[in-house]
Amino acid sequence: VNIFAGKNISLLLDKKGILYGLLDYENFNIDEFRKLSPLKFTHVSVSFDFFIAKSKNNHFYGAGSNIYGQIGSKNFSTNIKEISMIPLKGVMNNSKIDMFAAGHFHSVFYSAEEQEVYAMG
């Protein structure tokens, strides 16, 4: 079990890969801690007010603030409450991403095979 906390996001990734969290940080209520997706995840990175997660099928997902495009959505909102796929473009083949991190206003992805670093936000 892994627990992650940002200023405005709290997540739990259980040993089966189920991701639970609280994304409505404006009206915090621990009873609203819920399963975020039917998908199973392998890794999570949490930042100040958003997160990114890699699913077992090698796709990336995120939710929270996207004000600077840090989770890749065209919805530049301060509070995306539903988890959605991050559209990795170009040479960013999801299965080739070895490491990733959620920064303050950006996300970074690294591919050892391609020896490339990609960023959003």
C-alpha atoms as a PDB file:
ATOM      1  CA  VAL A   1       0.000   0.000   0.000  1.00  0.00           C
ATOM      2  CA  ASN A   2       1.251   3.487  -0.891  1.00  0.00           C
ATOM      3  CA  ILE A   3      -0.163   6.769   0.370  1.00  0.00           C
ATOM      4  CA  PHE A   4       0.345  10.065  -1.478  1.00  0.00           C
ATOM      5  CA  ALA A   5      -0.512  13.584  -0.390  1.00  0.00           C
ATOM      6  CA  GLY A   6      -0.261  16.955  -2.058  1.00  0.00           C
ATOM      7  CA  LYS A   7      -1.694  20.169  -0.717  1.00  0.00           C
ATOM      8  CA  ASN A   8      -5.041  19.546  -2.367  1.00  0.00           C
ATOM      9  CA  ILE A   9      -4.998  15.820  -3.239  1.00  0.00           C
ATOM     10  CA  SER A  10      -4.840  12.649  -1.148  1.00  0.00           C
ATOM     11  CA  LEU A  11      -4.443   9.205  -2.753  1.00  0.00           C
ATOM     12  CA  LEU A  12      -4.001   5.592  -1.744  1.00  0.00           C
ATOM     13  CA  LEU A  13      -2.731   2.896  -4.119  1.00  0.00           C
ATOM     14  CA  ASP A  14      -3.461  -0.557  -2.701  1.00  0.00           C
ATOM     15  CA  LYS A  15      -1.466  -3.735  -3.356  1.00  0.00           C
ATOM     16  CA  LYS A  16      -3.931  -4.789  -6.079  1.00  0.00           C
ATOM     17  CA  GLY A  17      -3.348  -1.546  -8.014  1.00  0.00           C
ATOM     18  CA  ILE A  18      -6.680   0.053  -7.084  1.00  0.00           C
ATOM     19  CA  LEU A  19      -6.428   3.838  -6.740  1.00  0.00           C
ATOM     20  CA  TYR A  20      -8.525   5.605  -4.097  1.00  0.00           C
ATOM     21  CA  GLY A  21      -8.563   9.311  -3.489  1.00  0.00           C
ATOM     22  CA  LEU A  22     -10.102  12.572  -2.501  1.00  0.00           C
ATOM     23  CA  LEU A  23     -10.180  15.127  -5.316  1.00  0.00           C
ATOM     24  CA  ASP A  24     -12.832  17.559  -4.077  1.00  0.00           C
ATOM     25  CA  TYR A  25     -10.472  19.371  -1.769  1.00  0.00           C
ATOM     26  CA  GLU A  26     -12.629  22.492  -1.546  1.00  0.00           C
ATOM     27  CA  ASN A  27     -15.237  20.613   0.496  1.00  0.00           C
ATOM     28  CA  PHE A  28     -13.032  18.096   2.299  1.00  0.00           C
ATOM     29  CA  ASN A  29     -14.909  15.172   3.797  1.00  0.00           C
ATOM     30  CA  ILE A  30     -13.021  11.949   4.548  1.00  0.00           C
ATOM     31  CA  ASP A  31     -16.231  10.020   3.788  1.00  0.00           C
ATOM     32  CA  GLU A  32     -15.780  11.047   0.130  1.00  0.00           C
ATOM     33  CA  PHE A  33     -12.499   9.131  -0.180  1.00  0.00           C
ATOM     34  CA  ARG A  34     -13.432   6.843  -3.087  1.00  0.00           C
ATOM     35  CA  LYS A  35     -12.213   4.467  -5.769  1.00  0.00           C
ATOM     36  CA  LEU A  36     -11.158   6.730  -8.642  1.00  0.00           C
ATOM     37  CA  SER A  37     -11.179   4.281 -11.541  1.00  0.00           C
ATOM     38  CA  PRO A  38     -11.906   0.646 -12.406  1.00  0.00           C
ATOM     39  CA  LEU A  39      -8.373   0.507 -13.889  1.00  0.00           C
ATOM     40  CA  LYS A  40      -5.379  -0.867 -12.022  1.00  0.00           C
ATOM     41  CA  PHE A  41      -2.261   1.256 -11.574  1.00  0.00           C
ATOM     42  CA  THR A  42       1.427   0.562 -10.990  1.00  0.00           C
ATOM     43  CA  HIS A  43       2.877   3.987 -10.115  1.00  0.00           C
ATOM     44  CA  VAL A  44       1.591   7.390  -8.969  1.00  0.00           C
ATOM     45  CA  SER A  45       3.135  10.839  -8.625  1.00  0.00           C
ATOM     46  CA  VAL A  46       1.352  13.584  -6.696  1.00  0.00           C
ATOM     47  CA  SER A  47       2.078  17.284  -6.808  1.00  0.00           C
ATOM     48  CA  PHE A  48       0.686  20.384  -5.150  1.00  0.00           C
ATOM     49  CA  ASP A  49      -2.793  20.033  -6.666  1.00  0.00           C
ATOM     50  CA  PHE A  50      -2.772  17.321  -9.350  1.00  0.00           C
ATOM     51  CA  PHE A  51      -1.572  13.766  -9.887  1.00  0.00           C
ATOM     52  CA  ILE A  52      -0.499  11.464 -12.683  1.00  0.00           C
ATOM     53  CA  ALA A  53      -0.669   7.666 -12.572  1.00  0.00           C
ATOM     54  CA  LYS A  54       0.540   4.847 -14.832  1.00  0.00           C
ATOM     55  CA  SER A  55      -1.932   2.033 -15.392  1.00  0.00           C
ATOM     56  CA  LYS A  56      -1.015  -1.630 -15.721  1.00  0.00           C
ATOM     57  CA  ASN A  57      -1.811  -1.325 -19.449  1.00  0.00           C
ATOM     58  CA  ASN A  58       0.920   1.373 -19.745  1.00  0.00           C
ATOM     59  CA  HIS A  59      -1.339   4.389 -20.177  1.00  0.00           C
ATOM     60  CA  PHE A  60      -1.112   7.559 -18.124  1.00  0.00           C
ATOM     61  CA  TYR A  61      -4.018   9.205 -16.313  1.00  0.00           C
ATOM     62  CA  GLY A  62      -4.426  12.331 -14.235  1.00  0.00           C
ATOM     63  CA  ALA A  63      -6.794  14.625 -12.381  1.00  0.00           C
ATOM     64  CA  GLY A  64      -6.717  17.802 -10.341  1.00  0.00           C
ATOM     65  CA  SER A  65      -5.500  21.171 -11.542  1.00  0.00           C
ATOM     66  CA  ASN A  66      -4.698  21.509 -15.240  1.00  0.00           C
ATOM     67  CA  ILE A  67      -4.417  25.303 -15.290  1.00  0.00           C
ATOM     68  CA  TYR A  68      -1.022  25.090 -17.085  1.00  0.00           C
ATOM     69  CA  GLY A  69      -1.734  21.919 -19.085  1.00  0.00           C
ATOM     70  CA  GLN A  70       0.239  19.735 -16.691  1.00  0.00           C
ATOM     71  CA  ILE A  71      -2.110  16.748 -17.113  1.00  0.00           C
ATOM     72  CA  GLY A  72      -2.404  17.195 -20.858  1.00  0.00           C
ATOM     73  CA  SER A  73      -6.124  17.962 -21.061  1.00  0.00           C
ATOM     74  CA  LYS A  74      -7.427  20.749 -23.286  1.00  0.00           C
ATOM     75  CA  ASN A  75      -9.684  21.686 -20.358  1.00  0.00           C
ATOM     76  CA  PHE A  76      -7.509  24.282 -18.610  1.00  0.00           C
ATOM     77  CA  SER A  77      -9.383  24.031 -15.316  1.00  0.00           C
ATOM     78  CA  THR A  78      -8.295  24.400 -11.721  1.00  0.00           C
ATOM     79  CA  ASN A  79     -10.171  21.300 -10.599  1.00  0.00           C
ATOM     80  CA  ILE A  80     -10.714  18.291 -12.871  1.00  0.00           C
ATOM     81  CA  LYS A  81     -12.443  15.853 -10.526  1.00  0.00           C
ATOM     82  CA  GLU A  82     -12.688  12.828 -12.811  1.00  0.00           C
ATOM     83  CA  ILE A  83      -9.608  10.838 -13.711  1.00  0.00           C
ATOM     84  CA  SER A  84      -8.881  10.915 -17.455  1.00  0.00           C
ATOM     85  CA  MET A  85      -6.244   9.613 -19.867  1.00  0.00           C
ATOM     86  CA  ILE A  86      -3.273  11.883 -20.511  1.00  0.00           C
ATOM     87  CA  PRO A  87      -2.773  12.189 -24.286  1.00  0.00           C
ATOM     88  CA  LEU A  88       0.936  11.519 -24.778  1.00  0.00           C
ATOM     89  CA  LYS A  89       1.826  12.695 -28.280  1.00  0.00           C
ATOM     90  CA  GLY A  90       4.465  12.127 -30.935  1.00  0.00           C
ATOM     91  CA  VAL A  91       7.358   9.891 -30.011  1.00  0.00           C
ATOM     92  CA  MET A  92       6.055   9.521 -26.476  1.00  0.00           C
ATOM     93  CA  ASN A  93       5.082   5.868 -26.731  1.00  0.00           C
ATOM     94  CA  ASN A  94       3.432   5.080 -23.381  1.00  0.00           C
ATOM     95  CA  SER A  95       5.123   1.701 -23.007  1.00  0.00           C
ATOM     96  CA  LYS A  96       8.572   3.289 -23.369  1.00  0.00           C
ATOM     97  CA  ILE A  97       8.174   5.714 -20.469  1.00  0.00           C
ATOM     98  CA  ASP A  98      10.398   4.509 -17.612  1.00  0.00           C
ATOM     99  CA  MET A  99       9.977   7.302 -15.083  1.00  0.00           C
ATOM    100  CA  PHE A 100       7.614  10.219 -14.538  1.00  0.00           C
ATOM    101  CA  ALA A 101       6.971  12.921 -11.994  1.00  0.00           C
ATOM    102  CA  ALA A 102       4.356  15.528 -11.187  1.00  0.00           C
ATOM    103  CA  GLY A 103       5.969  18.924 -10.585  1.00  0.00           C
ATOM    104  CA  HIS A 104       4.427  22.097  -9.220  1.00  0.00           C
ATOM    105  CA  PHE A 105       3.026  23.328 -12.555  1.00  0.00           C
ATOM    106  CA  HIS A 106       4.255  20.616 -14.929  1.00  0.00           C
ATOM    107  CA  SER A 107       4.696  16.883 -15.546  1.00  0.00           C
ATOM    108  CA  VAL A 108       7.909  15.231 -16.739  1.00  0.00           C
ATOM    109  CA  PHE A 109       8.270  11.858 -18.478  1.00  0.00           C
ATOM    110  CA  TYR A 110      11.541  10.032 -19.237  1.00  0.00           C
ATOM    111  CA  SER A 111      12.244   7.294 -21.798  1.00  0.00           C
ATOM    112  CA  ALA A 112      15.575   5.475 -21.350  1.00  0.00           C
ATOM    113  CA  GLU A 113      15.144   3.675 -24.676  1.00  0.00           C
ATOM    114  CA  GLU A 114      14.656   6.947 -26.557  1.00  0.00           C
ATOM    115  CA  GLN A 115      16.961   8.880 -24.189  1.00  0.00           C
ATOM    116  CA  GLU A 116      14.386  11.658 -24.166  1.00  0.00           C
ATOM    117  CA  VAL A 117      12.689  13.782 -21.538  1.00  0.00           C
ATOM    118  CA  TYR A 118       9.186  15.089 -22.234  1.00  0.00           C
ATOM    119  CA  ALA A 119       7.285  17.728 -20.303  1.00  0.00           C
ATOM    120  CA  MET A 120       3.791  19.213 -20.164  1.00  0.00           C
ATOM    121  CA  GLY A 121       2.637  22.366 -18.450  1.00  0.00           C
END
